[in-house]
């Protein structure tokens, strides 16, 4: 399994780097631990919405599966 570190901003839902289950991380610090990915994603989404930041959901291998933004988007965007 790939090492999971959330160096970037926002909330990262990743496989638990210390064992079984899933975690949510902000600035490299674990904010919550969960047995199921679905529960971790729900909690991460709420946290990202509260913080008005990006939520990055990782796959089991640590690669990025999905990103959602809940704020701080530029008011004008191309495309």
Protein backbone atom coordinates (compact mmCIF):
# COMPACT_ATOMS: atom_id res chain seq x y z
CA UNK A 1 0.00 0.00 0.00
CA UNK A 2 1.22 3.48 -0.82
CA UNK A 3 2.11 5.88 1.95
CA UNK A 4 -0.74 8.31 2.55
CA UNK A 5 0.19 11.83 3.50
CA UNK A 6 -1.92 14.89 3.02
CA UNK A 7 0.67 17.54 2.27
CA UNK A 8 -1.83 19.63 0.34
CA UNK A 9 -4.57 21.71 1.86
CA UNK A 10 -8.07 20.61 2.62
CA UNK A 11 -9.45 17.36 3.94
CA UNK A 12 -8.03 14.05 2.73
CA UNK A 13 -9.90 10.77 3.21
CA UNK A 14 -7.26 8.03 3.00
CA UNK A 15 -6.64 4.43 3.98
CA UNK A 16 -5.29 4.42 7.53
CA UNK A 17 -1.48 4.52 7.21
CA UNK A 18 -1.20 2.90 10.66
CA UNK A 19 -3.46 -0.08 10.04
CA UNK A 20 -6.98 -1.08 9.13
CA UNK A 21 -9.77 1.29 8.22
CA UNK A 22 -9.86 4.85 6.89
CA UNK A 23 -8.94 8.26 8.25
CA UNK A 24 -9.58 11.91 7.54
CA UNK A 25 -6.56 14.18 7.66
CA UNK A 26 -5.99 17.92 7.58
CA UNK A 27 -2.47 19.30 7.25
CA UNK A 28 -1.07 15.82 7.86
CA UNK A 29 -2.91 15.32 11.17
CA UNK A 30 -5.60 12.69 11.62
CA UNK A 31 -8.94 14.29 12.49
CA UNK A 32 -11.06 11.12 12.54
CA UNK A 33 -10.77 7.32 12.18
CA UNK A 34 -13.37 5.02 10.62
CA UNK A 35 -13.81 1.32 9.94
CA UNK A 36 -15.67 1.90 6.65
CA UNK A 37 -14.68 4.14 3.74
CA UNK A 38 -18.27 5.32 3.29
CA UNK A 39 -18.41 6.66 6.86
CA UNK A 40 -15.01 8.35 6.47
CA UNK A 41 -16.15 10.02 3.24
CA UNK A 42 -19.34 11.32 4.89
CA UNK A 43 -17.40 12.76 7.83
CA UNK A 44 -14.73 14.23 5.54
CA UNK A 45 -17.40 15.89 3.39
CA UNK A 46 -19.01 17.56 6.41
CA UNK A 47 -15.63 18.77 7.68
CA UNK A 48 -14.68 20.16 4.25
CA UNK A 49 -18.02 21.95 3.98
CA UNK A 50 -17.59 23.47 7.46
CA UNK A 51 -14.04 24.60 6.65
CA UNK A 52 -15.03 25.69 3.11
CA UNK A 53 -12.15 23.76 1.59
CA UNK A 54 -11.42 20.89 -0.81
CA UNK A 55 -12.19 17.25 0.01
CA UNK A 56 -9.88 14.70 -1.61
CA UNK A 57 -10.99 11.07 -1.51
CA UNK A 58 -8.20 8.54 -2.05
CA UNK A 59 -8.40 4.97 -3.33
CA UNK A 60 -7.14 1.97 -1.35
CA UNK A 61 -3.73 2.27 -3.07
CA UNK A 62 -3.42 5.92 -1.98
CA UNK A 63 -4.06 7.40 -5.43
CA UNK A 64 -6.63 10.19 -5.75
CA UNK A 65 -10.08 8.89 -6.64
CA UNK A 66 -12.21 12.02 -6.43
CA UNK A 67 -12.04 15.69 -5.42
CA UNK A 68 -14.82 18.02 -4.34
CA UNK A 69 -14.47 21.72 -3.58
CA UNK A 70 -16.65 23.45 -1.00
CA UNK A 71 -15.34 26.99 -1.18
CA UNK A 72 -12.55 29.33 -2.14
CA UNK A 73 -13.13 28.76 -5.85
CA UNK A 74 -12.24 31.66 -8.12
CA UNK A 75 -15.29 33.73 -9.06
CA UNK A 76 -14.36 33.47 -12.73
CA UNK A 77 -13.15 30.29 -14.28
CA UNK A 78 -12.32 29.28 -17.82
CA UNK A 79 -14.46 26.62 -19.43
